Structures are given as structure tokens and as C-alpha cells.
Amino acid sequence: MPDILAANIRRLRNAQGISQEELAHRSGIDRSYVGQIERAEHKATVVTLGRLARALKVLPGDLLTLPPDHPYLSELAAATRPRNGA
């Protein structure tokens, strides 16, 4: 989950054209902590998740949804394909 959260924060932050510093300011979280979360070096608490979601103007669940390009989606698709002869 930390890598999914990290990818979503980075994607949403870049789409909005804001820096880590600006996101930190908007969320009331230390900039270095935002960077650690965005690099998946630190696991965010539910409270932190809520603050980041509010600062990015998204629902908290949006931060935990698999991004379209996430490698896990390929693994999931392969695992759910019907097998030949099954």
C-alpha cells in the first residue's frame, strides 16, 4: 500500500502543479515527511491520509486506488484469466 499511496500523491500533486512544499503547507505536514511518504519510505497514518486528501481535494480512498499504470494490475489480470482446459 505505501507504494500505491506514494504513486497517487505524486500523480495528483503533479496534475495540480503543486510542489511537495506546497502540499506540506496545505496539509499542515512537514515537507520532509511528505517526501518520505511520496517515496514510500514512511507509512502514513489515517489522520495523515485525511490531511493529504483534503489538501489535494480528493477523497481519501482516491489515494489508495491502484493507479492505471501500476504493475499490480497486470499481475491481477494474469491471475484472474481463465486457464486453458479449466
N, C-alpha and C. Protein backbone atom coordinates (compact mmCIF):
# COMPACT_ATOMS: atom_id res chain seq x y z
N MET A 1 0.80 -1.21 0.00
CA MET A 1 0.00 0.00 0.00
C MET A 1 0.84 1.28 0.00
N PRO A 2 1.99 1.33 0.69
CA PRO A 2 2.76 2.58 0.66
C PRO A 2 3.16 3.01 -0.75
N ASP A 3 3.47 2.05 -1.63
CA ASP A 3 3.85 2.44 -2.99
C ASP A 3 2.66 2.95 -3.79
N ILE A 4 1.47 2.42 -3.51
CA ILE A 4 0.26 2.89 -4.19
C ILE A 4 -0.06 4.31 -3.72
N LEU A 5 0.01 4.53 -2.42
CA LEU A 5 -0.22 5.87 -1.86
C LEU A 5 0.78 6.85 -2.44
N ALA A 6 2.04 6.45 -2.47
CA ALA A 6 3.09 7.33 -2.99
C ALA A 6 2.83 7.71 -4.45
N ALA A 7 2.49 6.72 -5.27
CA ALA A 7 2.24 7.00 -6.69
C ALA A 7 1.05 7.94 -6.88
N ASN A 8 0.00 7.74 -6.09
CA ASN A 8 -1.18 8.58 -6.22
C ASN A 8 -0.92 10.00 -5.75
N ILE A 9 -0.21 10.16 -4.66
CA ILE A 9 0.10 11.51 -4.18
C ILE A 9 0.92 12.25 -5.22
N ARG A 10 1.95 11.59 -5.73
CA ARG A 10 2.82 12.22 -6.74
C ARG A 10 2.01 12.58 -8.00
N ARG A 11 1.18 11.65 -8.47
CA ARG A 11 0.39 11.88 -9.68
C ARG A 11 -0.57 13.06 -9.48
N LEU A 12 -1.30 13.06 -8.36
CA LEU A 12 -2.28 14.12 -8.10
C LEU A 12 -1.59 15.47 -7.87
N ARG A 13 -0.49 15.44 -7.15
CA ARG A 13 0.24 16.67 -6.87
C ARG A 13 0.77 17.28 -8.16
N ASN A 14 1.36 16.42 -9.01
CA ASN A 14 1.89 16.92 -10.29
C ASN A 14 0.77 17.41 -11.20
N ALA A 15 -0.37 16.71 -11.21
CA ALA A 15 -1.50 17.13 -12.04
C ALA A 15 -2.02 18.50 -11.62
N GLN A 16 -1.89 18.82 -10.35
CA GLN A 16 -2.35 20.11 -9.84
C GLN A 16 -1.25 21.17 -9.91
N GLY A 17 -0.05 20.74 -10.30
CA GLY A 17 1.06 21.68 -10.45
C GLY A 17 1.56 22.26 -9.15
N ILE A 18 1.49 21.46 -8.07
CA ILE A 18 1.98 21.96 -6.78
C ILE A 18 3.22 21.17 -6.35
N SER A 19 4.07 21.82 -5.60
CA SER A 19 5.29 21.20 -5.11
C SER A 19 5.02 20.41 -3.83
N GLN A 20 5.99 19.61 -3.44
CA GLN A 20 5.88 18.92 -2.14
C GLN A 20 5.76 19.95 -1.02
N GLU A 21 6.49 21.02 -1.15
CA GLU A 21 6.45 22.07 -0.13
C GLU A 21 5.06 22.68 -0.01
N GLU A 22 4.42 22.94 -1.15
CA GLU A 22 3.07 23.49 -1.13
C GLU A 22 2.07 22.49 -0.56
N LEU A 23 2.21 21.22 -0.93
CA LEU A 23 1.33 20.18 -0.37
C LEU A 23 1.52 20.09 1.14
N ALA A 24 2.75 20.17 1.58
CA ALA A 24 3.03 20.13 3.02
C ALA A 24 2.35 21.32 3.72
N HIS A 25 2.46 22.48 3.13
CA HIS A 25 1.85 23.68 3.71
C HIS A 25 0.33 23.53 3.79
N ARG A 26 -0.29 23.09 2.68
CA ARG A 26 -1.74 22.93 2.64
C ARG A 26 -2.25 21.89 3.62
N SER A 27 -1.45 20.85 3.85
CA SER A 27 -1.90 19.75 4.71
C SER A 27 -1.45 19.90 6.16
N GLY A 28 -0.54 20.83 6.41
CA GLY A 28 -0.03 21.01 7.77
C GLY A 28 0.92 19.90 8.19
N ILE A 29 1.58 19.31 7.21
CA ILE A 29 2.52 18.21 7.45
C ILE A 29 3.91 18.69 7.05
N ASP A 30 4.92 18.27 7.77
CA ASP A 30 6.30 18.64 7.46
C ASP A 30 6.66 18.20 6.04
N ARG A 31 7.37 19.08 5.32
CA ARG A 31 7.73 18.79 3.94
C ARG A 31 8.57 17.53 3.79
N SER A 32 9.50 17.31 4.70
CA SER A 32 10.33 16.10 4.60
C SER A 32 9.50 14.84 4.82
N TYR A 33 8.47 14.92 5.66
CA TYR A 33 7.57 13.79 5.90
C TYR A 33 6.74 13.50 4.65
N VAL A 34 6.27 14.58 3.98
CA VAL A 34 5.54 14.40 2.72
C VAL A 34 6.44 13.70 1.71
N GLY A 35 7.69 14.10 1.64
CA GLY A 35 8.64 13.48 0.73
C GLY A 35 8.86 12.00 1.04
N GLN A 36 8.96 11.69 2.33
CA GLN A 36 9.13 10.29 2.73
C GLN A 36 7.91 9.44 2.36
N ILE A 37 6.73 10.00 2.52
CA ILE A 37 5.50 9.28 2.14
C ILE A 37 5.48 9.10 0.63
N GLU A 38 5.84 10.14 -0.10
CA GLU A 38 5.81 10.10 -1.56
C GLU A 38 6.86 9.15 -2.13
N ARG A 39 7.90 8.86 -1.38
CA ARG A 39 8.90 7.88 -1.81
C ARG A 39 8.64 6.51 -1.21
N ALA A 40 7.51 6.36 -0.53
CA ALA A 40 7.11 5.10 0.12
C ALA A 40 8.13 4.65 1.17
N GLU A 41 8.79 5.62 1.79
CA GLU A 41 9.74 5.32 2.85
C GLU A 41 9.07 5.34 4.22
N HIS A 42 7.89 5.89 4.29
CA HIS A 42 7.17 6.00 5.55
C HIS A 42 5.70 5.68 5.31
N LYS A 43 5.08 5.01 6.25
CA LYS A 43 3.66 4.66 6.14
C LYS A 43 2.85 5.75 6.83
N ALA A 44 1.88 6.28 6.10
CA ALA A 44 1.05 7.36 6.63
C ALA A 44 -0.05 6.82 7.53
N THR A 45 -0.37 7.58 8.56
CA THR A 45 -1.49 7.23 9.42
C THR A 45 -2.79 7.63 8.72
N VAL A 46 -3.90 7.19 9.27
CA VAL A 46 -5.21 7.55 8.72
C VAL A 46 -5.42 9.06 8.81
N VAL A 47 -4.97 9.66 9.87
CA VAL A 47 -5.10 11.11 10.04
C VAL A 47 -4.30 11.83 8.95
N THR A 48 -3.09 11.38 8.71
CA THR A 48 -2.24 11.98 7.67
C THR A 48 -2.86 11.78 6.30
N LEU A 49 -3.40 10.61 6.06
CA LEU A 49 -4.08 10.32 4.79
C LEU A 49 -5.23 11.32 4.58
N GLY A 50 -6.00 11.57 5.61
CA GLY A 50 -7.09 12.53 5.52
C GLY A 50 -6.61 13.93 5.24
N ARG A 51 -5.52 14.34 5.88
CA ARG A 51 -4.98 15.68 5.65
C ARG A 51 -4.48 15.84 4.22
N LEU A 52 -3.80 14.80 3.72
CA LEU A 52 -3.30 14.86 2.35
C LEU A 52 -4.45 14.88 1.35
N ALA A 53 -5.46 14.06 1.59
CA ALA A 53 -6.63 14.03 0.70
C ALA A 53 -7.31 15.40 0.67
N ARG A 54 -7.49 15.99 1.82
CA ARG A 54 -8.13 17.32 1.88
C ARG A 54 -7.29 18.36 1.13
N ALA A 55 -5.98 18.31 1.32
CA ALA A 55 -5.10 19.27 0.66
C ALA A 55 -5.11 19.08 -0.86
N LEU A 56 -5.28 17.83 -1.31
CA LEU A 56 -5.32 17.54 -2.74
C LEU A 56 -6.74 17.62 -3.31
N LYS A 57 -7.72 17.86 -2.43
CA LYS A 57 -9.13 17.98 -2.82
C LYS A 57 -9.66 16.71 -3.48
N VAL A 58 -9.34 15.57 -2.84
CA VAL A 58 -9.84 14.27 -3.30
C VAL A 58 -10.35 13.50 -2.09
N LEU A 59 -11.06 12.43 -2.33
CA LEU A 59 -11.48 11.55 -1.25
C LEU A 59 -10.29 10.72 -0.78
N PRO A 60 -10.23 10.38 0.51
CA PRO A 60 -9.12 9.57 1.00
C PRO A 60 -8.95 8.26 0.22
N GLY A 61 -10.05 7.64 -0.18
CA GLY A 61 -9.96 6.40 -0.95
C GLY A 61 -9.26 6.57 -2.29
N ASP A 62 -9.32 7.78 -2.85
CA ASP A 62 -8.64 8.05 -4.12
C ASP A 62 -7.13 7.91 -3.99
N LEU A 63 -6.63 8.10 -2.79
CA LEU A 63 -5.19 7.97 -2.57
C LEU A 63 -4.76 6.51 -2.46
N LEU A 64 -5.71 5.61 -2.29
CA LEU A 64 -5.39 4.19 -2.13
C LEU A 64 -5.83 3.33 -3.31
N THR A 65 -6.40 3.96 -4.34
CA THR A 65 -6.83 3.24 -5.53
C THR A 65 -5.62 2.96 -6.41
N LEU A 66 -5.58 1.75 -6.98
CA LEU A 66 -4.46 1.43 -7.86
C LEU A 66 -4.43 2.37 -9.05
N PRO A 67 -3.28 3.03 -9.29
CA PRO A 67 -3.16 3.89 -10.46
C PRO A 67 -3.22 3.03 -11.73
N PRO A 68 -3.68 3.60 -12.84
CA PRO A 68 -3.85 2.83 -14.07
C PRO A 68 -2.59 2.12 -14.54
N ASP A 69 -1.42 2.66 -14.27
CA ASP A 69 -0.17 2.08 -14.76
C ASP A 69 0.54 1.21 -13.71
N HIS A 70 -0.12 0.91 -12.61
CA HIS A 70 0.52 0.16 -11.53
C HIS A 70 0.76 -1.30 -11.96
N PRO A 71 1.95 -1.85 -11.71
CA PRO A 71 2.26 -3.22 -12.14
C PRO A 71 1.35 -4.27 -11.51
N TYR A 72 0.78 -4.00 -10.36
CA TYR A 72 -0.09 -4.98 -9.71
C TYR A 72 -1.33 -5.28 -10.56
N LEU A 73 -1.77 -4.30 -11.35
CA LEU A 73 -2.93 -4.53 -12.21
C LEU A 73 -2.65 -5.63 -13.23
N SER A 74 -1.45 -5.66 -13.78
CA SER A 74 -1.07 -6.71 -14.72
C SER A 74 -1.05 -8.06 -14.03
N GLU A 75 -0.50 -8.12 -12.83
CA GLU A 75 -0.46 -9.36 -12.06
C GLU A 75 -1.88 -9.83 -11.75
N LEU A 76 -2.74 -8.91 -11.39
CA LEU A 76 -4.12 -9.25 -11.07
C LEU A 76 -4.85 -9.78 -12.29
N ALA A 77 -4.65 -9.13 -13.43
CA ALA A 77 -5.29 -9.57 -14.66
C ALA A 77 -4.82 -10.98 -15.05
N ALA A 78 -3.54 -11.24 -14.90
CA ALA A 78 -2.99 -12.56 -15.24
C ALA A 78 -3.55 -13.63 -14.30
N ALA A 79 -3.71 -13.29 -13.06
CA ALA A 79 -4.19 -14.26 -12.07
C ALA A 79 -5.67 -14.58 -12.25
N THR A 80 -6.42 -13.69 -12.84
CA THR A 80 -7.86 -13.91 -12.98
C THR A 80 -8.26 -14.43 -14.36
N ARG A 81 -7.30 -14.55 -15.28
CA ARG A 81 -7.61 -15.10 -16.60
C ARG A 81 -7.94 -16.57 -16.49
N PRO A 82 -8.96 -17.02 -17.24
CA PRO A 82 -9.27 -18.45 -17.21
C PRO A 82 -8.13 -19.26 -17.84
N ARG A 83 -7.85 -20.38 -17.24
CA ARG A 83 -6.79 -21.26 -17.75
C ARG A 83 -7.36 -22.15 -18.84
N ASN A 84 -6.51 -22.51 -19.80
CA ASN A 84 -6.92 -23.41 -20.86
C ASN A 84 -7.33 -24.76 -20.27
N GLY A 85 -8.47 -25.26 -20.69
CA GLY A 85 -8.92 -26.57 -20.22
C GLY A 85 -9.59 -26.55 -18.87
N ALA A 86 -9.71 -25.36 -18.28
CA ALA A 86 -10.32 -25.27 -16.95
C ALA A 86 -11.80 -25.10 -17.01
